[in-house]
Amino acid sequence: MSYIPFLNFGYPKTDAELTVLKSPVEEADRRKEPRYPSDGSARVLVSFLSEPQTFNARVLDVSKSGMRLKLSAPLAPGTLVQVELKSLVATGAVRHCRKDGEEYSMGIQLDAVVNKNQTV
């Protein structure tokens, strides 16, 4: 099993960033890394716009280099975002964004994941 620093494997714990709900999604697809269905809240910041915008999001699944979020507004593929979790910040780019009921399902390819409390 790959190490993903912001996941809690097993039973939910209050101090975990995200809780993995079950084993990796097993699908016949071309992904290089397993995806882990998850449940957690996040804030998505798009700061390069003339007026930065922040969206509340729900984390649906994660992998070593990406995550899928659900949020209330669409973001265009290629949009650079910052995803804030409880004590971590992840940066990346939107790979896809699709309408999913009343919300949007968005895939992000991560560039970096850092601890908010880490000193540089």
PDB file of N, CA and C in Angstrom:
ATOM      1  N   MET A   1       0.845  -1.176   0.000  1.00  0.00           N
ATOM      2  CA  MET A   1       0.000   0.000   0.000  1.00  0.00           C
ATOM      3  C   MET A   1       0.890   1.239   0.000  1.00  0.00           C
ATOM      4  N   SER A   2       0.613   2.177  -0.869  1.00  0.00           N
ATOM      5  CA  SER A   2       1.390   3.409  -0.969  1.00  0.00           C
ATOM      6  C   SER A   2       1.139   4.294   0.242  1.00  0.00           C
ATOM      7  N   TYR A   3       2.158   5.028   0.629  1.00  0.00           N
ATOM      8  CA  TYR A   3       2.024   5.966   1.729  1.00  0.00           C
ATOM      9  C   TYR A   3       1.451   7.274   1.204  1.00  0.00           C
ATOM     10  N   ILE A   4       0.358   7.713   1.764  1.00  0.00           N
ATOM     11  CA  ILE A   4      -0.240   8.996   1.421  1.00  0.00           C
ATOM     12  C   ILE A   4      -0.312   9.775   2.729  1.00  0.00           C
ATOM     13  N   PRO A   5       0.470  10.836   2.873  1.00  0.00           N
ATOM     14  CA  PRO A   5       0.652  11.484   4.171  1.00  0.00           C
ATOM     15  C   PRO A   5      -0.589  12.069   4.814  1.00  0.00           C
ATOM     16  N   PHE A   6      -1.648  12.368   4.049  1.00  0.00           N
ATOM     17  CA  PHE A   6      -2.784  13.029   4.656  1.00  0.00           C
ATOM     18  C   PHE A   6      -3.967  12.118   4.890  1.00  0.00           C
ATOM     19  N   LEU A   7      -3.756  10.805   4.813  1.00  0.00           N
ATOM     20  CA  LEU A   7      -4.857   9.877   5.030  1.00  0.00           C
ATOM     21  C   LEU A   7      -4.719   9.125   6.332  1.00  0.00           C
ATOM     22  N   ASN A   8      -5.863   8.750   6.877  1.00  0.00           N
ATOM     23  CA  ASN A   8      -5.914   7.880   8.041  1.00  0.00           C
ATOM     24  C   ASN A   8      -6.523   6.578   7.566  1.00  0.00           C
ATOM     25  N   PHE A   9      -5.716   5.525   7.500  1.00  0.00           N
ATOM     26  CA  PHE A   9      -6.242   4.240   7.072  1.00  0.00           C
ATOM     27  C   PHE A   9      -6.859   3.542   8.272  1.00  0.00           C
ATOM     28  N   GLY A  10      -8.076   3.076   8.112  1.00  0.00           N
ATOM     29  CA  GLY A  10      -8.740   2.383   9.204  1.00  0.00           C
ATOM     30  C   GLY A  10      -9.935   3.162   9.700  1.00  0.00           C
ATOM     31  N   TYR A  11     -10.182   3.053  10.989  1.00  0.00           N
ATOM     32  CA  TYR A  11     -11.349   3.689  11.575  1.00  0.00           C
ATOM     33  C   TYR A  11     -11.180   5.198  11.653  1.00  0.00           C
ATOM     34  N   PRO A  12     -12.299   5.949  11.538  1.00  0.00           N
ATOM     35  CA  PRO A  12     -12.224   7.411  11.616  1.00  0.00           C
ATOM     36  C   PRO A  12     -11.636   7.871  12.946  1.00  0.00           C
ATOM     37  N   LYS A  13     -10.789   8.864  12.864  1.00  0.00           N
ATOM     38  CA  LYS A  13     -10.220   9.495  14.055  1.00  0.00           C
ATOM     39  C   LYS A  13     -10.418  10.989  13.903  1.00  0.00           C
ATOM     40  N   THR A  14     -10.651  11.673  14.987  1.00  0.00           N
ATOM     41  CA  THR A  14     -10.970  13.088  14.904  1.00  0.00           C
ATOM     42  C   THR A  14      -9.792  13.930  14.428  1.00  0.00           C
ATOM     43  N   ASP A  15      -8.553  13.485  14.617  1.00  0.00           N
ATOM     44  CA  ASP A  15      -7.400  14.279  14.223  1.00  0.00           C
ATOM     45  C   ASP A  15      -6.912  13.965  12.812  1.00  0.00           C
ATOM     46  N   ALA A  16      -7.581  13.078  12.095  1.00  0.00           N
ATOM     47  CA  ALA A  16      -7.156  12.705  10.747  1.00  0.00           C
ATOM     48  C   ALA A  16      -7.573  13.773   9.748  1.00  0.00           C
ATOM     49  N   GLU A  17      -6.755  13.973   8.738  1.00  0.00           N
ATOM     50  CA  GLU A  17      -7.104  14.893   7.662  1.00  0.00           C
ATOM     51  C   GLU A  17      -8.304  14.363   6.894  1.00  0.00           C
ATOM     52  N   LEU A  18      -8.209  13.137   6.447  1.00  0.00           N
ATOM     53  CA  LEU A  18      -9.269  12.470   5.698  1.00  0.00           C
ATOM     54  C   LEU A  18      -9.361  11.054   6.214  1.00  0.00           C
ATOM     55  N   THR A  19     -10.515  10.481   6.100  1.00  0.00           N
ATOM     56  CA  THR A  19     -10.676   9.093   6.494  1.00  0.00           C
ATOM     57  C   THR A  19     -10.953   8.261   5.259  1.00  0.00           C
ATOM     58  N   VAL A  20     -10.143   7.239   5.061  1.00  0.00           N
ATOM     59  CA  VAL A  20     -10.351   6.325   3.944  1.00  0.00           C
ATOM     60  C   VAL A  20     -11.519   5.429   4.290  1.00  0.00           C
ATOM     61  N   LEU A  21     -12.485   5.361   3.397  1.00  0.00           N
ATOM     62  CA  LEU A  21     -13.703   4.619   3.688  1.00  0.00           C
ATOM     63  C   LEU A  21     -13.582   3.130   3.425  1.00  0.00           C
ATOM     64  N   LYS A  22     -12.754   2.751   2.458  1.00  0.00           N
ATOM     65  CA  LYS A  22     -12.573   1.339   2.145  1.00  0.00           C
ATOM     66  C   LYS A  22     -11.310   1.170   1.324  1.00  0.00           C
ATOM     67  N   SER A  23     -11.063  -0.042   0.865  1.00  0.00           N
ATOM     68  CA  SER A  23      -9.860  -0.323   0.088  1.00  0.00           C
ATOM     69  C   SER A  23      -9.886   0.439  -1.236  1.00  0.00           C
ATOM     70  N   PRO A  24      -8.771   0.457  -1.962  1.00  0.00           N
ATOM     71  CA  PRO A  24      -8.710   1.201  -3.217  1.00  0.00           C
ATOM     72  C   PRO A  24      -9.817   0.799  -4.184  1.00  0.00           C
ATOM     73  N   VAL A  25     -10.234   1.772  -4.979  1.00  0.00           N
ATOM     74  CA  VAL A  25     -11.230   1.517  -6.009  1.00  0.00           C
ATOM     75  C   VAL A  25     -10.604   0.601  -7.044  1.00  0.00           C
ATOM     76  N   GLU A  26     -11.268  -0.488  -7.334  1.00  0.00           N
ATOM     77  CA  GLU A  26     -10.742  -1.423  -8.322  1.00  0.00           C
ATOM     78  C   GLU A  26     -11.564  -1.287  -9.593  1.00  0.00           C
ATOM     79  N   GLU A  27     -10.990  -0.604 -10.559  1.00  0.00           N
ATOM     80  CA  GLU A  27     -11.652  -0.398 -11.831  1.00  0.00           C
ATOM     81  C   GLU A  27     -10.668  -0.718 -12.937  1.00  0.00           C
ATOM     82  N   ALA A  28     -11.203  -1.108 -14.060  1.00  0.00           N
ATOM     83  CA  ALA A  28     -10.353  -1.340 -15.222  1.00  0.00           C
ATOM     84  C   ALA A  28     -10.137   0.008 -15.890  1.00  0.00           C
ATOM     85  N   ASP A  29      -9.114   0.721 -15.468  1.00  0.00           N
ATOM     86  CA  ASP A  29      -8.812   1.996 -16.091  1.00  0.00           C
ATOM     87  C   ASP A  29      -7.300   2.144 -16.234  1.00  0.00           C
ATOM     88  N   ARG A  30      -6.885   3.292 -16.688  1.00  0.00           N
ATOM     89  CA  ARG A  30      -5.475   3.505 -16.998  1.00  0.00           C
ATOM     90  C   ARG A  30      -4.705   4.206 -15.882  1.00  0.00           C
ATOM     91  N   ARG A  31      -5.271   4.338 -14.729  1.00  0.00           N
ATOM     92  CA  ARG A  31      -4.587   5.040 -13.647  1.00  0.00           C
ATOM     93  C   ARG A  31      -3.356   4.263 -13.188  1.00  0.00           C
ATOM     94  N   LYS A  32      -2.314   5.009 -12.866  1.00  0.00           N
ATOM     95  CA  LYS A  32      -1.063   4.403 -12.409  1.00  0.00           C
ATOM     96  C   LYS A  32      -1.085   4.129 -10.904  1.00  0.00           C
ATOM     97  N   GLU A  33      -1.932   4.853 -10.189  1.00  0.00           N
ATOM     98  CA  GLU A  33      -1.968   4.754  -8.729  1.00  0.00           C
ATOM     99  C   GLU A  33      -3.374   4.411  -8.258  1.00  0.00           C
ATOM    100  N   PRO A  34      -3.488   3.673  -7.177  1.00  0.00           N
ATOM    101  CA  PRO A  34      -4.832   3.368  -6.656  1.00  0.00           C
ATOM    102  C   PRO A  34      -5.490   4.624  -6.090  1.00  0.00           C
ATOM    103  N   ARG A  35      -6.806   4.683  -6.224  1.00  0.00           N
ATOM    104  CA  ARG A  35      -7.592   5.758  -5.623  1.00  0.00           C
ATOM    105  C   ARG A  35      -8.262   5.196  -4.383  1.00  0.00           C
ATOM    106  N   TYR A  36      -8.310   6.005  -3.328  1.00  0.00           N
ATOM    107  CA  TYR A  36      -8.919   5.596  -2.077  1.00  0.00           C
ATOM    108  C   TYR A  36     -10.159   6.451  -1.816  1.00  0.00           C
ATOM    109  N   PRO A  37     -11.350   5.839  -1.822  1.00  0.00           N
ATOM    110  CA  PRO A  37     -12.563   6.598  -1.494  1.00  0.00           C
ATOM    111  C   PRO A  37     -12.392   7.225  -0.117  1.00  0.00           C
ATOM    112  N   SER A  38     -12.739   8.479   0.006  1.00  0.00           N
ATOM    113  CA  SER A  38     -12.500   9.216   1.239  1.00  0.00           C
ATOM    114  C   SER A  38     -13.680  10.099   1.575  1.00  0.00           C
ATOM    115  N   ASP A  39     -13.645  10.648   2.755  1.00  0.00           N
ATOM    116  CA  ASP A  39     -14.654  11.606   3.159  1.00  0.00           C
ATOM    117  C   ASP A  39     -13.977  12.639   4.046  1.00  0.00           C
ATOM    118  N   GLY A  40     -14.042  13.872   3.640  1.00  0.00           N
ATOM    119  CA  GLY A  40     -13.455  14.950   4.410  1.00  0.00           C
ATOM    120  C   GLY A  40     -13.822  16.272   3.788  1.00  0.00           C
ATOM    121  N   SER A  41     -13.698  17.328   4.551  1.00  0.00           N
ATOM    122  CA  SER A  41     -14.016  18.647   4.014  1.00  0.00           C
ATOM    123  C   SER A  41     -12.724  19.380   3.675  1.00  0.00           C
ATOM    124  N   ALA A  42     -12.841  20.309   2.740  1.00  0.00           N
ATOM    125  CA  ALA A  42     -11.691  21.088   2.300  1.00  0.00           C
ATOM    126  C   ALA A  42     -12.181  22.444   1.815  1.00  0.00           C
ATOM    127  N   ARG A  43     -11.246  23.371   1.698  1.00  0.00           N
ATOM    128  CA  ARG A  43     -11.516  24.661   1.074  1.00  0.00           C
ATOM    129  C   ARG A  43     -10.642  24.749  -0.163  1.00  0.00           C
ATOM    130  N   VAL A  44     -11.220  25.175  -1.264  1.00  0.00           N
ATOM    131  CA  VAL A  44     -10.485  25.313  -2.513  1.00  0.00           C
ATOM    132  C   VAL A  44     -10.332  26.803  -2.785  1.00  0.00           C
ATOM    133  N   LEU A  45      -9.091  27.249  -2.945  1.00  0.00           N
ATOM    134  CA  LEU A  45      -8.786  28.651  -3.190  1.00  0.00           C
ATOM    135  C   LEU A  45      -8.258  28.806  -4.608  1.00  0.00           C
ATOM    136  N   VAL A  46      -8.866  29.721  -5.349  1.00  0.00           N
ATOM    137  CA  VAL A  46      -8.391  30.091  -6.677  1.00  0.00           C
ATOM    138  C   VAL A  46      -7.943  31.533  -6.537  1.00  0.00           C
ATOM    139  N   SER A  47      -6.622  31.769  -6.470  1.00  0.00           N
ATOM    140  CA  SER A  47      -6.116  33.092  -6.118  1.00  0.00           C
ATOM    141  C   SER A  47      -5.625  33.929  -7.282  1.00  0.00           C
ATOM    142  N   PHE A  48      -5.471  33.354  -8.467  1.00  0.00           N
ATOM    143  CA  PHE A  48      -4.932  34.156  -9.557  1.00  0.00           C
ATOM    144  C   PHE A  48      -6.005  34.985 -10.260  1.00  0.00           C
ATOM    145  N   LEU A  49      -7.261  34.798  -9.919  1.00  0.00           N
ATOM    146  CA  LEU A  49      -8.345  35.581 -10.512  1.00  0.00           C
ATOM    147  C   LEU A  49      -8.252  37.022 -10.034  1.00  0.00           C
ATOM    148  N   SER A  50      -8.919  37.941 -10.746  1.00  0.00           N
ATOM    149  CA  SER A  50      -8.893  39.347 -10.330  1.00  0.00           C
ATOM    150  C   SER A  50      -9.411  39.490  -8.903  1.00  0.00           C
ATOM    151  N   GLU A  51     -10.393  38.693  -8.550  1.00  0.00           N
ATOM    152  CA  GLU A  51     -10.864  38.619  -7.168  1.00  0.00           C
ATOM    153  C   GLU A  51     -10.783  37.165  -6.738  1.00  0.00           C
ATOM    154  N   PRO A  52      -9.836  36.830  -5.858  1.00  0.00           N
ATOM    155  CA  PRO A  52      -9.694  35.431  -5.428  1.00  0.00           C
ATOM    156  C   PRO A  52     -11.018  34.868  -4.912  1.00  0.00           C
ATOM    157  N   GLN A  53     -11.250  33.595  -5.200  1.00  0.00           N
ATOM    158  CA  GLN A  53     -12.476  32.944  -4.768  1.00  0.00           C
ATOM    159  C   GLN A  53     -12.140  31.722  -3.930  1.00  0.00           C
ATOM    160  N   THR A  54     -12.987  31.457  -2.950  1.00  0.00           N
ATOM    161  CA  THR A  54     -12.853  30.287  -2.099  1.00  0.00           C
ATOM    162  C   THR A  54     -14.148  29.495  -2.156  1.00  0.00           C
ATOM    163  N   PHE A  55     -14.004  28.167  -2.263  1.00  0.00           N
ATOM    164  CA  PHE A  55     -15.155  27.278  -2.328  1.00  0.00           C
ATOM    165  C   PHE A  55     -15.026  26.221  -1.241  1.00  0.00           C
ATOM    166  N   ASN A  56     -16.134  25.870  -0.615  1.00  0.00           N
ATOM    167  CA  ASN A  56     -16.140  24.717   0.283  1.00  0.00           C
ATOM    168  C   ASN A  56     -16.272  23.478  -0.592  1.00  0.00           C
ATOM    169  N   ALA A  57     -15.564  22.425  -0.226  1.00  0.00           N
ATOM    170  CA  ALA A  57     -15.577  21.208  -1.033  1.00  0.00           C
ATOM    171  C   ALA A  57     -15.605  19.985  -0.137  1.00  0.00           C
ATOM    172  N   ARG A  58     -16.005  18.872  -0.728  1.00  0.00           N
ATOM    173  CA  ARG A  58     -15.961  17.574  -0.053  1.00  0.00           C
ATOM    174  C   ARG A  58     -14.994  16.700  -0.831  1.00  0.00           C
ATOM    175  N   VAL A  59     -14.088  16.042  -0.134  1.00  0.00           N
ATOM    176  CA  VAL A  59     -13.116  15.160  -0.770  1.00  0.00           C
ATOM    177  C   VAL A  59     -13.770  13.809  -0.993  1.00  0.00           C
ATOM    178  N   LEU A  60     -13.807  13.359  -2.254  1.00  0.00           N
ATOM    179  CA  LEU A  60     -14.453  12.095  -2.599  1.00  0.00           C
ATOM    180  C   LEU A  60     -13.471  10.935  -2.655  1.00  0.00           C
ATOM    181  N   ASP A  61     -12.292  11.176  -3.221  1.00  0.00           N
ATOM    182  CA  ASP A  61     -11.250  10.151  -3.216  1.00  0.00           C
ATOM    183  C   ASP A  61      -9.888  10.802  -3.428  1.00  0.00           C
ATOM    184  N   VAL A  62      -8.855  10.054  -3.064  1.00  0.00           N
ATOM    185  CA  VAL A  62      -7.482  10.558  -3.164  1.00  0.00           C
ATOM    186  C   VAL A  62      -6.570   9.463  -3.692  1.00  0.00           C
ATOM    187  N   SER A  63      -5.470   9.899  -4.264  1.00  0.00           N
ATOM    188  CA  SER A  63      -4.395   8.991  -4.659  1.00  0.00           C
ATOM    189  C   SER A  63      -3.098   9.686  -4.290  1.00  0.00           C
ATOM    190  N   LYS A  64      -1.994   9.068  -4.608  1.00  0.00           N
ATOM    191  CA  LYS A  64      -0.699   9.642  -4.277  1.00  0.00           C
ATOM    192  C   LYS A  64      -0.495  10.997  -4.958  1.00  0.00           C
ATOM    193  N   SER A  65      -1.047  11.180  -6.157  1.00  0.00           N
ATOM    194  CA  SER A  65      -0.795  12.423  -6.890  1.00  0.00           C
ATOM    195  C   SER A  65      -2.056  13.182  -7.282  1.00  0.00           C
ATOM    196  N   GLY A  66      -3.198  12.825  -6.698  1.00  0.00           N
ATOM    197  CA  GLY A  66      -4.400  13.545  -7.067  1.00  0.00           C
ATOM    198  C   GLY A  66      -5.525  13.367  -6.085  1.00  0.00           C
ATOM    199  N   MET A  67      -6.584  14.116  -6.311  1.00  0.00           N
ATOM    200  CA  MET A  67      -7.788  13.975  -5.499  1.00  0.00           C
ATOM    201  C   MET A  67      -8.999  14.404  -6.312  1.00  0.00           C
ATOM    202  N   ARG A  68     -10.142  13.876  -5.913  1.00  0.00           N
ATOM    203  CA  ARG A  68     -11.402  14.245  -6.554  1.00  0.00           C
ATOM    204  C   ARG A  68     -12.258  14.914  -5.503  1.00  0.00           C
ATOM    205  N   LEU A  69     -12.753  16.084  -5.850  1.00  0.00           N
ATOM    206  CA  LEU A  69     -13.549  16.890  -4.943  1.00  0.00           C
ATOM    207  C   LEU A  69     -14.931  17.117  -5.516  1.00  0.00           C
ATOM    208  N   LYS A  70     -15.869  17.441  -4.651  1.00  0.00           N
ATOM    209  CA  LYS A  70     -17.203  17.860  -5.072  1.00  0.00           C
ATOM    210  C   LYS A  70     -17.407  19.267  -4.526  1.00  0.00           C
ATOM    211  N   LEU A  71     -17.801  20.191  -5.421  1.00  0.00           N
ATOM    212  CA  LEU A  71     -18.043  21.552  -4.993  1.00  0.00           C
ATOM    213  C   LEU A  71     -19.213  22.155  -5.749  1.00  0.00           C
ATOM    214  N   SER A  72     -19.630  23.346  -5.336  1.00  0.00           N
ATOM    215  CA  SER A  72     -20.858  23.942  -5.857  1.00  0.00           C
ATOM    216  C   SER A  72     -20.699  24.688  -7.170  1.00  0.00           C
ATOM    217  N   ALA A  73     -19.484  24.978  -7.593  1.00  0.00           N
ATOM    218  CA  ALA A  73     -19.264  25.747  -8.822  1.00  0.00           C
ATOM    219  C   ALA A  73     -18.226  25.056  -9.691  1.00  0.00           C
ATOM    220  N   PRO A  74     -18.326  25.218 -11.006  1.00  0.00           N
ATOM    221  CA  PRO A  74     -17.343  24.593 -11.892  1.00  0.00           C
ATOM    222  C   PRO A  74     -16.054  25.407 -11.969  1.00  0.00           C
ATOM    223  N   LEU A  75     -14.949  24.714 -12.183  1.00  0.00           N
ATOM    224  CA  LEU A  75     -13.657  25.354 -12.455  1.00  0.00           C
ATOM    225  C   LEU A  75     -13.120  24.743 -13.737  1.00  0.00           C
ATOM    226  N   ALA A  76     -12.546  25.561 -14.575  1.00  0.00           N
ATOM    227  CA  ALA A  76     -12.056  25.104 -15.875  1.00  0.00           C
ATOM    228  C   ALA A  76     -10.802  24.248 -15.729  1.00  0.00           C
ATOM    229  N   PRO A  77     -10.664  23.220 -16.572  1.00  0.00           N
ATOM    230  CA  PRO A  77      -9.424  22.438 -16.587  1.00  0.00           C
ATOM    231  C   PRO A  77      -8.228  23.374 -16.789  1.00  0.00           C
ATOM    232  N   GLY A  78      -7.163  23.088 -16.055  1.00  0.00           N
ATOM    233  CA  GLY A  78      -5.966  23.925 -16.111  1.00  0.00           C
ATOM    234  C   GLY A  78      -5.914  24.976 -15.017  1.00  0.00           C
ATOM    235  N   THR A  79      -7.053  25.233 -14.343  1.00  0.00           N
ATOM    236  CA  THR A  79      -7.082  26.217 -13.265  1.00  0.00           C
ATOM    237  C   THR A  79      -6.176  25.764 -12.127  1.00  0.00           C
ATOM    238  N   LEU A  80      -5.293  26.651 -11.668  1.00  0.00           N
ATOM    239  CA  LEU A  80      -4.423  26.344 -10.533  1.00  0.00           C
ATOM    240  C   LEU A  80      -5.187  26.595  -9.248  1.00  0.00           C
ATOM    241  N   VAL A  81      -5.128  25.632  -8.332  1.00  0.00           N
ATOM    242  CA  VAL A  81      -5.882  25.727  -7.086  1.00  0.00           C
ATOM    243  C   VAL A  81      -5.004  25.379  -5.894  1.00  0.00           C
ATOM    244  N   GLN A  82      -5.467  25.837  -4.754  1.00  0.00           N
ATOM    245  CA  GLN A  82      -4.878  25.469  -3.477  1.00  0.00           C
ATOM    246  C   GLN A  82      -6.002  24.815  -2.691  1.00  0.00           C
ATOM    247  N   VAL A  83      -5.766  23.606  -2.188  1.00  0.00           N
ATOM    248  CA  VAL A  83      -6.765  22.875  -1.427  1.00  0.00           C
ATOM    249  C   VAL A  83      -6.304  22.835   0.021  1.00  0.00           C
ATOM    250  N   GLU A  84      -7.096  23.427   0.906  1.00  0.00           N
ATOM    251  CA  GLU A  84      -6.754  23.474   2.322  1.00  0.00           C
ATOM    252  C   GLU A  84      -7.540  22.418   3.073  1.00  0.00           C
ATOM    253  N   LEU A  85      -6.808  21.547   3.759  1.00  0.00           N
ATOM    254  CA  LEU A  85      -7.402  20.551   4.644  1.00  0.00           C
ATOM    255  C   LEU A  85      -7.165  21.031   6.068  1.00  0.00           C
ATOM    256  N   LYS A  86      -7.418  20.193   7.039  1.00  0.00           N
ATOM    257  CA  LYS A  86      -7.292  20.566   8.445  1.00  0.00           C
ATOM    258  C   LYS A  86      -5.917  21.154   8.777  1.00  0.00           C
ATOM    259  N   SER A  87      -4.852  20.444   8.486  1.00  0.00           N
ATOM    260  CA  SER A  87      -3.514  20.954   8.796  1.00  0.00           C
ATOM    261  C   SER A  87      -2.569  20.869   7.605  1.00  0.00           C
ATOM    262  N   LEU A  88      -3.114  20.597   6.428  1.00  0.00           N
ATOM    263  CA  LEU A  88      -2.303  20.491   5.218  1.00  0.00           C
ATOM    264  C   LEU A  88      -2.834  21.402   4.125  1.00  0.00           C
ATOM    265  N   VAL A  89      -1.919  21.772   3.237  1.00  0.00           N
ATOM    266  CA  VAL A  89      -2.290  22.532   2.056  1.00  0.00           C
ATOM    267  C   VAL A  89      -1.727  21.792   0.853  1.00  0.00           C
ATOM    268  N   ALA A  90      -2.583  21.559  -0.140  1.00  0.00           N
ATOM    269  CA  ALA A  90      -2.157  20.901  -1.366  1.00  0.00           C
ATOM    270  C   ALA A  90      -2.336  21.880  -2.516  1.00  0.00           C
ATOM    271  N   THR A  91      -1.395  21.871  -3.441  1.00  0.00           N
ATOM    272  CA  THR A  91      -1.522  22.706  -4.628  1.00  0.00           C
ATOM    273  C   THR A  91      -1.567  21.812  -5.851  1.00  0.00           C
ATOM    274  N   GLY A  92      -2.251  22.281  -6.883  1.00  0.00           N
ATOM    275  CA  GLY A  92      -2.344  21.494  -8.094  1.00  0.00           C
ATOM    276  C   GLY A  92      -3.168  22.194  -9.152  1.00  0.00           C
ATOM    277  N   ALA A  93      -3.512  21.444 -10.181  1.00  0.00           N
ATOM    278  CA  ALA A  93      -4.278  21.975 -11.302  1.00  0.00           C
ATOM    279  C   ALA A  93      -5.506  21.112 -11.547  1.00  0.00           C
ATOM    280  N   VAL A  94      -6.585  21.747 -11.922  1.00  0.00           N
ATOM    281  CA  VAL A  94      -7.813  21.037 -12.264  1.00  0.00           C
ATOM    282  C   VAL A  94      -7.575  20.260 -13.553  1.00  0.00           C
ATOM    283  N   ARG A  95      -7.858  18.970 -13.522  1.00  0.00           N
ATOM    284  CA  ARG A  95      -7.715  18.124 -14.718  1.00  0.00           C
ATOM    285  C   ARG A  95      -9.041  17.977 -15.440  1.00  0.00           C
ATOM    286  N   HIS A  96     -10.122  17.884 -14.671  1.00  0.00           N
ATOM    287  CA  HIS A  96     -11.462  17.799 -15.269  1.00  0.00           C
ATOM    288  C   HIS A  96     -12.476  18.300 -14.261  1.00  0.00           C
ATOM    289  N   CYS A  97     -13.621  18.741 -14.763  1.00  0.00           N
ATOM    290  CA  CYS A  97     -14.703  19.199 -13.907  1.00  0.00           C
ATOM    291  C   CYS A  97     -16.005  18.868 -14.629  1.00  0.00           C
ATOM    292  N   ARG A  98     -16.849  18.079 -13.961  1.00  0.00           N
ATOM    293  CA  ARG A  98     -18.093  17.611 -14.577  1.00  0.00           C
ATOM    294  C   ARG A  98     -19.284  17.891 -13.661  1.00  0.00           C
ATOM    295  N   LYS A  99     -20.400  18.202 -14.276  1.00  0.00           N
ATOM    296  CA  LYS A  99     -21.648  18.388 -13.529  1.00  0.00           C
ATOM    297  C   LYS A  99     -22.029  17.051 -12.906  1.00  0.00           C
ATOM    298  N   ASP A 100     -22.398  17.078 -11.620  1.00  0.00           N
ATOM    299  CA  ASP A 100     -22.774  15.867 -10.892  1.00  0.00           C
ATOM    300  C   ASP A 100     -23.971  16.228 -10.017  1.00  0.00           C
ATOM    301  N   GLY A 101     -25.162  16.097 -10.575  1.00  0.00           N
ATOM    302  CA  GLY A 101     -26.364  16.521  -9.855  1.00  0.00           C
ATOM    303  C   GLY A 101     -26.385  18.037  -9.762  1.00  0.00           C
ATOM    304  N   GLU A 102     -26.543  18.542  -8.554  1.00  0.00           N
ATOM    305  CA  GLU A 102     -26.558  19.990  -8.326  1.00  0.00           C
ATOM    306  C   GLU A 102     -25.153  20.547  -8.119  1.00  0.00           C
ATOM    307  N   GLU A 103     -24.152  19.671  -8.039  1.00  0.00           N
ATOM    308  CA  GLU A 103     -22.780  20.096  -7.775  1.00  0.00           C
ATOM    309  C   GLU A 103     -21.876  19.692  -8.933  1.00  0.00           C
ATOM    310  N   TYR A 104     -20.565  19.857  -8.709  1.00  0.00           N
ATOM    311  CA  TYR A 104     -19.571  19.516  -9.724  1.00  0.00           C
ATOM    312  C   TYR A 104     -18.514  18.599  -9.120  1.00  0.00           C
ATOM    313  N   SER A 105     -18.123  17.596  -9.873  1.00  0.00           N
ATOM    314  CA  SER A 105     -17.054  16.681  -9.486  1.00  0.00           C
ATOM    315  C   SER A 105     -15.800  17.133 -10.218  1.00  0.00           C
ATOM    316  N   MET A 106     -14.730  17.378  -9.462  1.00  0.00           N
ATOM    317  CA  MET A 106     -13.520  17.961 -10.026  1.00  0.00           C
ATOM    318  C   MET A 106     -12.306  17.115  -9.660  1.00  0.00           C
ATOM    319  N   GLY A 107     -11.503  16.768 -10.656  1.00  0.00           N
ATOM    320  CA  GLY A 107     -10.258  16.046 -10.421  1.00  0.00           C
ATOM    321  C   GLY A 107      -9.088  17.006 -10.404  1.00  0.00           C
ATOM    322  N   ILE A 108      -8.217  16.841  -9.425  1.00  0.00           N
ATOM    323  CA  ILE A 108      -7.046  17.716  -9.296  1.00  0.00           C
ATOM    324  C   ILE A 108      -5.784  16.882  -9.360  1.00  0.00           C
ATOM    325  N   GLN A 109      -4.842  17.299 -10.163  1.00  0.00           N
ATOM    326  CA  GLN A 109      -3.513  16.677 -10.174  1.00  0.00           C
ATOM    327  C   GLN A 109      -2.649  17.500  -9.231  1.00  0.00           C
ATOM    328  N   LEU A 110      -2.144  16.848  -8.182  1.00  0.00           N
ATOM    329  CA  LEU A 110      -1.392  17.552  -7.146  1.00  0.00           C
ATOM    330  C   LEU A 110       0.059  17.779  -7.541  1.00  0.00           C
ATOM    331  N   ASP A 111       0.552  18.963  -7.169  1.00  0.00           N
ATOM    332  CA  ASP A 111       1.966  19.296  -7.333  1.00  0.00           C
ATOM    333  C   ASP A 111       2.705  19.106  -6.019  1.00  0.00           C
ATOM    334  N   ALA A 112       2.055  19.507  -4.924  1.00  0.00           N
ATOM    335  CA  ALA A 112       2.709  19.447  -3.614  1.00  0.00           C
ATOM    336  C   ALA A 112       1.667  19.348  -2.516  1.00  0.00           C
ATOM    337  N   VAL A 113       2.053  18.726  -1.409  1.00  0.00           N
ATOM    338  CA  VAL A 113       1.243  18.659  -0.201  1.00  0.00           C
ATOM    339  C   VAL A 113       2.176  19.006   0.950  1.00  0.00           C
ATOM    340  N   VAL A 114       1.837  20.074   1.700  1.00  0.00           N
ATOM    341  CA  VAL A 114       2.692  20.505   2.804  1.00  0.00           C
ATOM    342  C   VAL A 114       1.871  20.685   4.071  1.00  0.00           C
ATOM    343  N   ASN A 115       2.535  20.514   5.199  1.00  0.00           N
ATOM    344  CA  ASN A 115       1.921  20.706   6.503  1.00  0.00           C
ATOM    345  C   ASN A 115       1.859  22.211   6.786  1.00  0.00           C
ATOM    346  N   LYS A 116       0.696  22.731   7.180  1.00  0.00           N
ATOM    347  CA  LYS A 116       0.536  24.157   7.469  1.00  0.00           C
ATOM    348  C   LYS A 116       1.434  24.601   8.625  1.00  0.00           C
ATOM    349  N   ASN A 117       1.687  23.697   9.560  1.00  0.00           N
ATOM    350  CA  ASN A 117       2.456  24.045  10.757  1.00  0.00           C
ATOM    351  C   ASN A 117       3.956  23.827  10.586  1.00  0.00           C
ATOM    352  N   GLN A 118       4.376  23.339   9.435  1.00  0.00           N
ATOM    353  CA  GLN A 118       5.778  23.054   9.203  1.00  0.00           C
ATOM    354  C   GLN A 118       6.550  24.354   9.009  1.00  0.00           C
ATOM    355  N   THR A 119       7.655  24.486   9.698  1.00  0.00           N
ATOM    356  CA  THR A 119       8.504  25.661   9.522  1.00  0.00           C
ATOM    357  C   THR A 119       9.460  25.431   8.367  1.00  0.00           C
ATOM    358  N   VAL A 120       9.690  26.477   7.620  1.00  0.00           N
ATOM    359  CA  VAL A 120      10.548  26.361   6.440  1.00  0.00           C
ATOM    360  C   VAL A 120      11.971  26.693   6.777  1.00  0.00           C
TER     361      VAL A 120
END
